[in-house]
N, C-alpha and C. Protein backbone atom coordinates (compact mmCIF):
# COMPACT_ATOMS: atom_id res chain seq x y z
N MET A 1 17.53 7.96 15.51
CA MET A 1 15.38 6.37 15.25
C MET A 1 14.54 7.03 14.12
N ALA A 2 14.24 6.14 13.32
CA ALA A 2 13.32 6.50 12.35
C ALA A 2 12.15 4.93 12.19
N ILE A 3 10.85 5.11 11.43
CA ILE A 3 10.97 4.11 10.66
C ILE A 3 10.01 3.78 10.04
N PHE A 4 10.82 2.77 8.73
CA PHE A 4 10.37 2.50 7.70
C PHE A 4 9.40 1.55 7.30
N SER A 5 8.50 2.29 6.77
CA SER A 5 6.90 0.93 6.57
C SER A 5 6.78 0.95 5.19
N LEU A 6 7.16 -0.32 5.33
CA LEU A 6 7.22 -1.24 4.17
C LEU A 6 6.10 -2.41 4.11
N GLY A 7 5.12 -2.02 2.94
CA GLY A 7 4.47 -2.91 2.89
C GLY A 7 3.55 -3.12 1.27
N LEU A 8 2.63 -3.45 1.16
CA LEU A 8 1.87 -3.85 -0.47
C LEU A 8 0.50 -2.55 -0.57
N ALA A 9 0.05 -2.22 -1.16
CA ALA A 9 -0.86 -1.47 -1.61
C ALA A 9 -1.74 -1.20 -3.02
N GLY A 10 -2.47 -1.07 -3.18
CA GLY A 10 -3.19 -1.14 -5.28
C GLY A 10 -3.32 0.13 -5.48
N SER A 11 -3.07 0.50 -6.25
CA SER A 11 -3.75 1.37 -7.30
C SER A 11 -5.01 2.12 -7.18
N VAL A 12 -4.86 3.57 -7.05
CA VAL A 12 -6.20 4.21 -7.69
C VAL A 12 -6.07 5.07 -8.91
N ASP A 13 -5.36 4.72 -9.94
CA ASP A 13 -4.78 5.34 -10.89
C ASP A 13 -4.27 4.75 -11.70
N VAL A 14 -4.03 5.09 -13.07
CA VAL A 14 -3.88 4.20 -14.35
C VAL A 14 -2.76 4.27 -14.75
N SER A 15 -2.42 5.32 -13.68
CA SER A 15 -0.64 5.67 -13.98
C SER A 15 -0.25 5.02 -13.43
N THR A 16 -0.09 4.33 -11.55
CA THR A 16 0.41 2.59 -11.29
C THR A 16 -0.41 1.47 -11.28
N ARG A 17 0.85 0.75 -11.29
CA ARG A 17 0.59 -0.43 -11.88
C ARG A 17 1.15 -1.77 -11.19
N THR A 18 0.65 -2.90 -11.48
CA THR A 18 1.33 -3.71 -10.27
C THR A 18 2.57 -3.83 -10.73
N GLY A 19 3.51 -3.86 -9.48
CA GLY A 19 4.97 -4.23 -9.20
C GLY A 19 5.74 -2.51 -8.85
N ASP A 20 5.35 -0.99 -9.41
CA ASP A 20 5.87 -0.59 -9.40
C ASP A 20 6.49 -0.03 -7.89
N ILE A 21 7.18 0.90 -7.88
CA ILE A 21 7.76 1.08 -5.92
C ILE A 21 7.14 2.81 -6.05
N PHE A 22 6.02 1.84 -5.00
CA PHE A 22 5.99 3.86 -4.52
C PHE A 22 6.06 3.95 -2.68
N LEU A 23 6.62 5.43 -3.64
CA LEU A 23 7.43 6.14 -2.15
C LEU A 23 6.61 7.20 -1.48
N ALA A 24 6.46 7.58 -0.69
CA ALA A 24 4.62 7.90 -0.23
C ALA A 24 5.49 9.30 0.59
N THR A 25 4.31 11.02 0.52
CA THR A 25 4.52 11.65 0.46
C THR A 25 4.20 12.47 1.78
N HIS A 26 2.38 11.94 1.59
CA HIS A 26 1.79 11.96 2.57
C HIS A 26 0.61 10.66 2.54
N LEU A 27 0.29 10.68 3.56
CA LEU A 27 -0.58 10.14 4.46
C LEU A 27 -1.94 10.01 4.97
N LEU A 28 -3.10 9.75 4.06
CA LEU A 28 -4.70 10.31 4.29
C LEU A 28 -5.07 9.24 4.31
N ARG A 29 -6.13 10.09 5.79
CA ARG A 29 -6.78 8.82 6.30
C ARG A 29 -8.16 9.81 5.89
N VAL A 30 -8.95 8.00 5.66
CA VAL A 30 -10.38 8.37 5.43
C VAL A 30 -11.16 8.32 6.67
N ARG A 31 -12.54 8.67 6.86
CA ARG A 31 -12.91 7.57 8.23
C ARG A 31 -13.95 6.77 7.58
N ASP A 32 -14.23 7.07 6.56
CA ASP A 32 -14.64 5.41 5.42
C ASP A 32 -15.40 5.78 4.35
N THR A 33 -14.99 4.47 3.37
CA THR A 33 -15.34 4.72 1.64
C THR A 33 -15.92 5.45 1.36
N ARG A 34 -17.58 5.24 2.35
CA ARG A 34 -18.81 6.61 1.02
C ARG A 34 -18.78 7.58 1.10
N THR A 35 -17.56 8.58 2.23
CA THR A 35 -18.56 9.72 2.10
C THR A 35 -16.68 10.00 2.65
N PRO A 36 -15.98 10.07 1.46
CA PRO A 36 -14.20 10.16 1.69
C PRO A 36 -13.20 11.04 1.87
N GLY A 37 -14.15 11.53 2.76
CA GLY A 37 -13.37 13.09 3.12
C GLY A 37 -12.00 12.88 3.95
N VAL A 38 -11.33 13.77 3.92
CA VAL A 38 -9.90 13.96 4.36
C VAL A 38 -10.46 13.43 5.80
N GLN A 39 -9.61 12.61 6.70
CA GLN A 39 -9.42 12.60 8.77
C GLN A 39 -8.79 13.34 8.58
N ASP A 40 -7.07 12.58 8.72
CA ASP A 40 -6.12 13.19 8.93
C ASP A 40 -4.83 13.08 8.02
N ILE A 41 -3.88 14.10 7.86
CA ILE A 41 -2.75 13.82 6.35
C ILE A 41 -1.50 14.18 7.53
N TYR A 42 -0.73 13.19 6.75
CA TYR A 42 0.52 13.10 7.25
C TYR A 42 1.89 13.16 6.57
N LYS A 43 2.22 14.86 6.52
CA LYS A 43 3.60 14.86 6.12
C LYS A 43 4.72 13.70 6.42
N LEU A 44 5.06 13.28 5.53
CA LEU A 44 6.60 12.49 5.72
C LEU A 44 7.61 13.14 6.36
N ASP A 45 8.40 12.49 6.92
CA ASP A 45 9.96 13.12 6.52
C ASP A 45 10.39 13.09 5.65
N GLU A 46 10.58 14.65 4.87
CA GLU A 46 11.42 15.01 3.68
C GLU A 46 12.79 14.62 3.45
N GLN A 47 13.80 14.24 4.36
CA GLN A 47 14.98 14.64 4.42
C GLN A 47 14.77 12.29 3.96
N LEU A 48 13.68 11.58 4.84
CA LEU A 48 14.08 10.67 4.83
C LEU A 48 13.51 10.25 3.02
N ILE A 49 12.56 10.80 2.83
CA ILE A 49 11.93 10.68 1.52
C ILE A 49 12.74 11.26 0.44
N PHE A 50 13.63 12.22 0.84
CA PHE A 50 14.70 12.31 -0.46
C PHE A 50 15.75 11.63 0.04
N ASN A 51 16.33 10.92 1.05
CA ASN A 51 17.94 9.86 1.10
C ASN A 51 17.14 8.46 0.10
N THR A 52 15.94 8.20 0.51
CA THR A 52 15.43 6.52 0.02
C THR A 52 15.00 7.34 -2.28
N SER A 53 14.97 8.13 -1.99
CA SER A 53 14.83 8.41 -3.50
C SER A 53 16.08 8.78 -4.56
N ASN A 54 17.12 9.05 -3.34
CA ASN A 54 18.22 8.35 -3.87
C ASN A 54 19.06 7.75 -4.30
N ILE A 55 18.79 6.30 -3.09
CA ILE A 55 19.09 5.53 -3.14
C ILE A 55 18.72 4.21 -3.93
N LEU A 56 17.30 4.71 -4.52
CA LEU A 56 16.64 3.96 -5.24
C LEU A 56 17.06 4.51 -6.67
N ASP A 57 17.53 5.65 -6.99
CA ASP A 57 17.82 6.11 -7.94
C ASP A 57 19.04 5.56 -7.68
N LYS A 58 20.02 5.56 -7.47
CA LYS A 58 21.31 4.80 -7.94
C LYS A 58 21.30 3.31 -7.42
N SER A 59 20.19 3.01 -7.41
CA SER A 59 20.10 1.48 -8.12
C SER A 59 19.33 1.25 -8.87
N ASN A 60 19.11 2.08 -9.75
CA ASN A 60 17.67 2.17 -10.72
C ASN A 60 17.22 1.65 -10.98
N LEU A 61 16.26 1.51 -9.92
CA LEU A 61 14.92 1.08 -9.22
C LEU A 61 14.08 2.33 -9.11
N GLU A 62 13.19 1.81 -10.80
CA GLU A 62 12.34 3.33 -11.37
C GLU A 62 10.83 3.19 -9.75
N PHE A 63 10.96 4.12 -9.43
CA PHE A 63 9.07 4.58 -8.55
C PHE A 63 8.65 5.54 -8.62
N LYS A 64 7.14 5.62 -7.79
CA LYS A 64 6.14 6.99 -8.36
C LYS A 64 6.45 7.30 -6.85
N ILE A 65 6.00 8.24 -6.97
CA ILE A 65 5.93 9.55 -5.83
C ILE A 65 4.42 10.10 -5.81
N GLY A 66 4.18 10.27 -4.35
CA GLY A 66 3.03 10.94 -4.16
C GLY A 66 2.12 10.56 -2.82
N LYS A 67 0.94 10.56 -2.74
CA LYS A 67 0.25 10.41 -1.65
C LYS A 67 -0.74 9.43 -1.63
N LEU A 68 -0.02 8.17 -0.49
CA LEU A 68 -0.58 7.44 -0.05
C LEU A 68 -2.00 7.71 0.58
N LEU A 69 -3.72 6.99 0.39
CA LEU A 69 -4.45 7.43 0.83
C LEU A 69 -4.56 5.73 1.81
N THR A 70 -5.23 5.64 3.17
CA THR A 70 -4.69 4.85 4.10
C THR A 70 -6.79 4.27 4.82
N VAL A 71 -6.79 3.93 3.66
CA VAL A 71 -8.72 3.06 4.30
C VAL A 71 -9.24 2.11 5.76
N PRO A 72 -10.28 2.29 6.12
CA PRO A 72 -10.20 1.05 7.77
C PRO A 72 -10.40 -0.28 6.39
N HIS A 73 -11.27 -0.81 5.64
CA HIS A 73 -11.10 -1.43 4.63
C HIS A 73 -10.27 -2.17 3.59
N PHE A 74 -10.48 -3.28 2.85
CA PHE A 74 -10.36 -3.66 2.15
C PHE A 74 -11.31 -3.12 1.04
N VAL A 75 -11.16 -2.53 0.38
CA VAL A 75 -11.38 -1.78 -1.02
C VAL A 75 -11.52 -2.63 -2.20
N PHE A 76 -12.51 -3.70 -2.82
CA PHE A 76 -11.98 -4.82 -3.91
C PHE A 76 -12.47 -3.46 -5.26
N LYS A 77 -14.08 -3.25 -5.10
CA LYS A 77 -14.01 -2.75 -6.57
C LYS A 77 -13.32 -2.06 -7.40
N LEU A 78 -12.88 -1.75 -8.00
CA LEU A 78 -12.05 -1.12 -9.07
C LEU A 78 -12.09 0.50 -8.97
N GLN A 79 -14.05 0.02 -9.65
CA GLN A 79 -14.63 1.66 -9.77
C GLN A 79 -14.42 2.42 -8.49
N GLU A 80 -14.94 1.90 -7.43
CA GLU A 80 -14.48 2.69 -5.81
C GLU A 80 -13.95 2.51 -5.56
N ARG A 81 -11.90 1.88 -5.89
CA ARG A 81 -11.18 2.45 -5.09
C ARG A 81 -10.37 3.33 -6.54
N HIS A 82 -10.96 3.53 -7.32
CA HIS A 82 -10.07 4.71 -8.18
C HIS A 82 -11.20 6.22 -7.60
N ARG A 83 -12.13 5.99 -7.76
CA ARG A 83 -13.12 7.37 -7.06
C ARG A 83 -12.73 7.76 -6.00
N ILE A 84 -12.34 7.08 -5.01
CA ILE A 84 -12.22 7.54 -3.40
C ILE A 84 -10.75 8.16 -3.79
N GLY A 85 -9.04 7.50 -4.54
CA GLY A 85 -7.93 7.63 -4.60
C GLY A 85 -8.49 9.24 -5.70
N HIS A 86 -9.30 9.04 -6.50
CA HIS A 86 -9.36 10.77 -7.31
C HIS A 86 -10.06 11.58 -6.51
N GLU A 87 -10.79 11.32 -5.65
CA GLU A 87 -11.54 12.30 -4.75
C GLU A 87 -10.84 13.20 -3.90
N VAL A 88 -9.76 12.56 -3.59
CA VAL A 88 -8.54 12.35 -2.07
C VAL A 88 -6.88 13.02 -2.54
N GLY A 89 -6.96 12.82 -4.28
CA GLY A 89 -5.41 13.26 -4.77
C GLY A 89 -4.46 12.01 -4.10
N ALA A 90 -5.33 10.38 -4.02
CA ALA A 90 -3.91 9.88 -3.81
C ALA A 90 -3.91 8.98 -5.03
N LYS A 91 -2.75 7.75 -5.02
CA LYS A 91 -1.86 6.96 -6.46
C LYS A 91 -2.64 5.66 -6.21
N ALA A 92 -2.00 5.81 -4.41
CA ALA A 92 -2.27 4.41 -4.29
C ALA A 92 -3.15 4.68 -2.68
N VAL A 93 -4.20 3.02 -2.37
CA VAL A 93 -4.34 2.84 -0.74
C VAL A 93 -3.82 1.50 -0.09
N ASP A 94 -3.69 1.63 1.17
CA ASP A 94 -3.08 0.89 2.01
C ASP A 94 -4.66 1.37 2.90
N MET A 95 -4.21 -0.36 3.57
CA MET A 95 -4.99 -0.33 5.75
C MET A 95 -4.38 -0.02 6.55
N GLU A 96 -3.06 0.95 6.20
CA GLU A 96 -2.23 -0.01 7.40
C GLU A 96 -1.31 1.86 8.07
N GLY A 97 -0.89 2.78 6.89
CA GLY A 97 0.15 3.54 6.78
C GLY A 97 0.30 5.07 7.22
N ALA A 98 -1.62 5.37 7.61
CA ALA A 98 -1.76 6.31 8.37
C ALA A 98 -2.06 6.15 10.45
N ALA A 99 -2.21 4.81 10.17
CA ALA A 99 -1.86 4.27 11.92
C ALA A 99 -0.75 3.98 12.45
N ILE A 100 0.21 3.05 11.98
CA ILE A 100 1.67 3.35 11.49
C ILE A 100 2.19 5.63 12.47
N THR A 101 1.95 5.85 11.09
CA THR A 101 2.75 7.42 11.08
C THR A 101 1.83 7.98 11.70
N ALA A 102 0.32 8.15 11.98
CA ALA A 102 -0.20 8.47 13.50
C ALA A 102 0.52 7.87 15.43
N GLU A 103 1.18 6.71 15.70
CA GLU A 103 2.03 6.14 16.45
C GLU A 103 3.21 7.09 16.62
N ALA A 104 3.66 7.11 15.63
CA ALA A 104 4.61 7.96 15.22
C ALA A 104 5.38 9.30 15.72
N ARG A 105 3.96 9.76 15.60
CA ARG A 105 3.47 10.96 15.91
C ARG A 105 4.19 11.51 16.64
N LYS A 106 3.19 10.15 17.66
CA LYS A 106 2.87 10.97 19.39
C LYS A 106 4.22 10.96 20.06
N HIS A 107 5.69 10.29 19.16
CA HIS A 107 7.11 9.70 20.52
C HIS A 107 7.78 10.41 19.48
N ARG A 108 7.40 11.36 18.18
CA ARG A 108 8.50 12.39 16.98
C ARG A 108 9.36 11.11 17.10
N ILE A 109 8.84 10.31 16.30
CA ILE A 109 9.30 9.46 15.36
C ILE A 109 9.35 9.84 13.33
N PRO A 110 10.14 10.32 12.99
CA PRO A 110 10.09 10.72 11.61
C PRO A 110 9.66 8.91 11.15
N VAL A 111 8.89 9.39 9.79
CA VAL A 111 8.60 8.18 9.29
C VAL A 111 8.53 8.09 7.38
N MET A 112 9.27 7.36 7.33
CA MET A 112 9.11 7.24 5.92
C MET A 112 7.70 5.96 5.28
N ALA A 113 7.75 5.71 4.03
CA ALA A 113 6.54 4.76 4.23
C ALA A 113 7.04 4.25 2.50
N LEU A 114 7.22 3.03 1.91
CA LEU A 114 7.51 2.73 0.74
C LEU A 114 6.50 1.21 0.72
N ARG A 115 5.75 1.40 -0.56
CA ARG A 115 4.43 0.72 -0.52
C ARG A 115 5.07 -0.34 -2.48
N LEU A 116 4.92 -1.61 -2.70
CA LEU A 116 4.57 -2.13 -3.64
C LEU A 116 3.45 -2.55 -4.07
N ILE A 117 3.44 -2.04 -5.75
CA ILE A 117 1.83 -2.13 -5.81
C ILE A 117 1.65 -3.45 -6.32
N SER A 118 0.96 -4.42 -5.74
CA SER A 118 0.41 -5.01 -4.99
C SER A 118 -1.46 -5.34 -6.50
N ASP A 119 -1.96 -5.12 -6.96
CA ASP A 119 -2.89 -4.95 -7.96
C ASP A 119 -3.23 -3.33 -8.33
N ASP A 120 -3.14 -3.66 -10.08
CA ASP A 120 -3.75 -1.50 -10.65
C ASP A 120 -5.32 -1.83 -11.07
N MET A 121 -5.68 -1.01 -11.73
CA MET A 121 -6.40 -0.74 -11.75
C MET A 121 -6.75 -1.54 -13.29
N SER A 122 -6.26 -2.25 -14.27
CA SER A 122 -6.38 -3.29 -14.66
C SER A 122 -6.68 -4.42 -13.98
N THR A 123 -6.05 -4.54 -12.96
CA THR A 123 -6.74 -6.13 -11.96
C THR A 123 -8.00 -6.73 -13.21
N ARG A 124 -7.83 -8.47 -13.08
CA ARG A 124 -9.64 -8.45 -13.37
C ARG A 124 -10.01 -8.18 -12.07
N GLU A 125 -11.71 -7.39 -11.83
CA GLU A 125 -11.45 -7.54 -10.58
C GLU A 125 -12.49 -8.84 -10.19
N VAL A 126 -12.56 -9.04 -8.61
CA VAL A 126 -12.16 -10.62 -8.21
C VAL A 126 -13.09 -9.99 -6.49
N ASN A 127 -14.27 -9.96 -6.01
CA ASN A 127 -14.76 -10.48 -4.87
C ASN A 127 -13.91 -10.96 -3.97
N TYR A 128 -12.82 -10.58 -3.64
CA TYR A 128 -12.05 -11.56 -2.49
C TYR A 128 -12.84 -10.94 -0.85
N GLY A 129 -13.45 -9.82 -0.62
CA GLY A 129 -14.21 -9.37 0.34
C GLY A 129 -14.47 -10.75 0.27
N MET A 130 -15.67 -12.06 -0.29
CA MET A 130 -16.33 -12.77 0.50
C MET A 130 -15.76 -14.22 1.25
N VAL A 131 -14.24 -13.71 0.83
CA VAL A 131 -13.09 -14.73 1.20
C VAL A 131 -12.87 -14.68 2.44
N ILE A 132 -12.00 -13.61 2.57
CA ILE A 132 -11.57 -12.91 3.59
C ILE A 132 -12.13 -12.13 4.10
N GLY A 133 -13.17 -11.38 3.70
CA GLY A 133 -13.69 -10.84 4.94
C GLY A 133 -13.52 -9.56 4.83
N PRO A 134 -14.27 -7.68 5.22
CA PRO A 134 -13.84 -7.12 5.18
C PRO A 134 -12.83 -6.54 6.38
N GLN A 135 -12.25 -7.05 7.49
CA GLN A 135 -11.49 -6.52 8.38
C GLN A 135 -10.42 -7.31 7.68
N GLY A 136 -9.62 -9.00 6.82
CA GLY A 136 -8.84 -8.83 6.36
C GLY A 136 -8.49 -10.34 6.72
N LYS A 137 -10.22 -10.77 7.32
CA LYS A 137 -9.26 -12.65 7.97
C LYS A 137 -10.10 -13.27 6.98
N LEU A 138 -9.74 -14.89 6.90
CA LEU A 138 -10.40 -15.48 5.96
C LEU A 138 -10.97 -16.07 6.87
N THR A 139 -12.10 -17.00 6.57
CA THR A 139 -13.10 -17.32 7.22
C THR A 139 -14.10 -18.52 5.49
N PRO A 140 -14.20 -19.43 6.93
CA PRO A 140 -14.72 -20.94 5.82
C PRO A 140 -15.82 -20.70 5.04
N LYS A 141 -16.49 -20.32 5.90
CA LYS A 141 -18.03 -20.27 5.53
C LYS A 141 -17.36 -19.35 4.36
N GLY A 142 -16.87 -18.02 4.03
CA GLY A 142 -16.56 -17.21 3.31
C GLY A 142 -16.09 -18.01 1.56
N ALA A 143 -15.57 -19.00 2.62
CA ALA A 143 -14.68 -19.15 1.62
C ALA A 143 -15.30 -20.34 0.60
N VAL A 144 -16.33 -20.70 1.39
CA VAL A 144 -16.85 -21.68 0.43
C VAL A 144 -18.36 -20.62 -0.23
N ARG A 145 -18.95 -19.94 0.48
CA ARG A 145 -19.78 -19.00 -0.51
C ARG A 145 -19.42 -18.90 -1.49
N PHE A 146 -17.13 -18.18 -1.58
CA PHE A 146 -16.68 -17.85 -3.10
C PHE A 146 -16.60 -18.90 -4.10
N PHE A 147 -17.14 -19.90 -3.36
CA PHE A 147 -16.53 -21.39 -4.14
C PHE A 147 -17.37 -21.46 -4.63
N LEU A 148 -18.43 -21.76 -4.46
CA LEU A 148 -20.27 -21.67 -4.88
C LEU A 148 -20.58 -20.38 -5.68
N ALA A 149 -20.38 -19.15 -5.74
CA ALA A 149 -20.63 -18.48 -6.70
C ALA A 149 -19.35 -18.04 -7.63
N HIS A 150 -18.14 -17.89 -7.49
CA HIS A 150 -16.75 -18.00 -8.00
C HIS A 150 -16.32 -18.90 -8.16
N GLY A 151 -16.57 -20.34 -8.22
CA GLY A 151 -15.12 -21.18 -8.20
C GLY A 151 -14.24 -20.74 -9.89
N ARG A 152 -15.18 -20.32 -10.48
CA ARG A 152 -13.93 -19.81 -11.77
C ARG A 152 -12.99 -19.45 -11.29
N ASP A 153 -13.58 -18.24 -10.28
CA ASP A 153 -12.24 -16.59 -10.07
C ASP A 153 -11.01 -18.01 -8.97
N LEU A 154 -11.48 -19.10 -8.53
CA LEU A 154 -10.41 -19.53 -7.99
C LEU A 154 -8.91 -19.48 -8.16
N LEU A 155 -8.88 -20.00 -8.78
CA LEU A 155 -7.52 -19.81 -9.82
C LEU A 155 -7.03 -18.35 -10.04
N GLU A 156 -7.61 -17.40 -9.83
CA GLU A 156 -7.33 -15.81 -9.55
C GLU A 156 -6.72 -15.43 -8.42
N VAL A 157 -8.02 -16.30 -7.51
CA VAL A 157 -6.64 -15.49 -5.46
C VAL A 157 -5.74 -16.72 -5.40
N PHE A 158 -5.18 -18.25 -5.81
CA PHE A 158 -4.41 -18.91 -5.80
C PHE A 158 -3.30 -17.99 -6.70
N ARG A 159 -3.38 -17.11 -7.84
CA ARG A 159 -2.79 -16.34 -8.46
C ARG A 159 -2.23 -14.77 -8.15
N PHE A 160 -3.51 -14.48 -7.06
CA PHE A 160 -3.18 -13.13 -6.31
C PHE A 160 -2.34 -14.06 -5.46
N ALA A 161 -1.80 -14.42 -4.25
CA ALA A 161 -1.76 -14.72 -3.41
C ALA A 161 0.05 -14.98 -3.68
N ARG A 162 -0.05 -15.89 -4.59
CA ARG A 162 1.63 -16.32 -5.05
C ARG A 162 2.24 -15.04 -5.54
N LYS A 163 1.81 -14.08 -6.34
CA LYS A 163 2.21 -12.16 -6.56
C LYS A 163 2.52 -11.85 -5.00
N ALA A 164 1.45 -11.60 -4.29
CA ALA A 164 2.06 -10.93 -2.90
C ALA A 164 3.35 -11.49 -2.14
N ARG A 165 3.17 -13.06 -2.69
CA ARG A 165 4.07 -13.54 -2.22
C ARG A 165 5.35 -13.33 -2.92
N ARG A 166 5.50 -13.30 -4.41
CA ARG A 166 6.77 -12.67 -5.09
C ARG A 166 7.19 -11.44 -4.28
N LEU A 167 6.06 -10.03 -4.21
CA LEU A 167 6.52 -8.33 -4.56
C LEU A 167 6.22 -8.73 -2.79
N GLY A 168 6.45 -9.15 -1.78
CA GLY A 168 6.85 -9.50 -0.84
C GLY A 168 8.30 -9.67 0.00
N ALA A 169 8.88 -10.83 -1.28
CA ALA A 169 10.47 -10.53 -0.82
C ALA A 169 11.01 -9.64 -1.97
N ARG A 170 10.09 -9.01 -2.50
CA ARG A 170 10.53 -8.05 -3.44
C ARG A 170 11.24 -7.15 -2.83
N LEU A 171 9.93 -6.63 -1.65
CA LEU A 171 9.92 -5.54 -1.29
C LEU A 171 10.53 -5.72 0.28
N SER A 172 11.13 -6.77 1.00
CA SER A 172 11.76 -6.94 1.71
C SER A 172 13.72 -6.88 1.51
N GLU A 173 14.15 -6.87 -0.02
CA GLU A 173 15.49 -6.83 -0.55
C GLU A 173 15.76 -5.31 -0.78
N ILE A 174 14.47 -4.47 -1.19
CA ILE A 174 14.15 -3.41 -1.84
C ILE A 174 14.29 -3.01 0.22
N GLY A 175 13.72 -2.82 0.67
CA GLY A 175 13.85 -2.39 2.02
C GLY A 175 15.43 -2.47 3.32
N THR A 176 15.40 -3.70 2.84
CA THR A 176 17.11 -4.22 3.31
C THR A 176 18.32 -3.13 2.37
N ARG A 177 17.61 -2.80 1.74
CA ARG A 177 18.82 -2.27 0.51
C ARG A 177 19.42 -0.72 1.26
N ILE A 178 17.53 -0.26 1.41
CA ILE A 178 17.33 1.02 1.59
C ILE A 178 17.44 1.30 3.35
N ILE A 179 17.69 0.16 4.10
CA ILE A 179 18.41 1.00 5.50
C ILE A 179 19.56 0.23 5.51
N GLU A 180 20.27 -0.35 5.33
CA GLU A 180 21.58 -0.33 4.77
C GLU A 180 22.56 0.55 3.95
N GLU A 181 21.74 1.59 3.07
CA GLU A 181 22.38 2.85 3.01
C GLU A 181 21.93 3.82 3.55
N ILE A 182 20.95 4.23 4.48
CA ILE A 182 20.69 5.65 5.01
C ILE A 182 20.95 5.59 6.63
N ALA A 183 21.18 3.75 7.48
CA ALA A 183 21.58 3.81 8.51
C ALA A 183 23.05 4.62 8.98
N PRO A 184 24.16 4.31 7.96
CA PRO A 184 25.37 5.22 8.55
C PRO A 184 25.18 6.93 7.37
N LEU A 185 24.12 7.35 7.12
CA LEU A 185 23.65 8.31 6.82
C LEU A 185 23.03 9.09 8.57
N SER A 186 22.31 8.59 8.92
CA SER A 186 21.46 8.97 10.03
C SER A 186 22.64 9.74 11.51
N THR A 187 23.71 8.33 11.16
CA THR A 187 24.37 8.48 12.50
C THR A 187 25.18 9.71 12.73
N PRO A 188 25.65 10.15 13.85
CA PRO A 188 26.18 11.49 14.16
C PRO A 188 27.57 11.54 13.90
């Protein structure tokens, strides 16, 4: 048994771009983003990383590999995201990876984390936080406030949502391919 954690992540460096496949070697958790001292470090399963990277190579899918930072809330400002990632040596950031891995560790279940990069350092900075709030929940009040302050950015919000759906579909295809190929490898 193993957990294959698939999801989207934001880039925190200039070499990791939107649409890139990112295979995590470690998950780093910080308590808060203002003082990003690493709270926990989880080294992911080496055999799953090895098998996944071989499958990606065999499928001619280019990918990046490195540390994935898990933060407790969305980080919308690109400068802040870059600063945090640079301080801890990560290439991408998500909100769930370390929590999944922490639970898996309690039960001695190996974990592999694969992310598609949904936005990078060249993404036009839009304060989505006004719309969805720090916990990721859409609020009507926030949507109205966002529209009044940034009406011209509304199209950018819809573009991002459409891009996230396409990336999710691609991630599902990649995840299915990996699981189909790894399952026979792990059967005794």
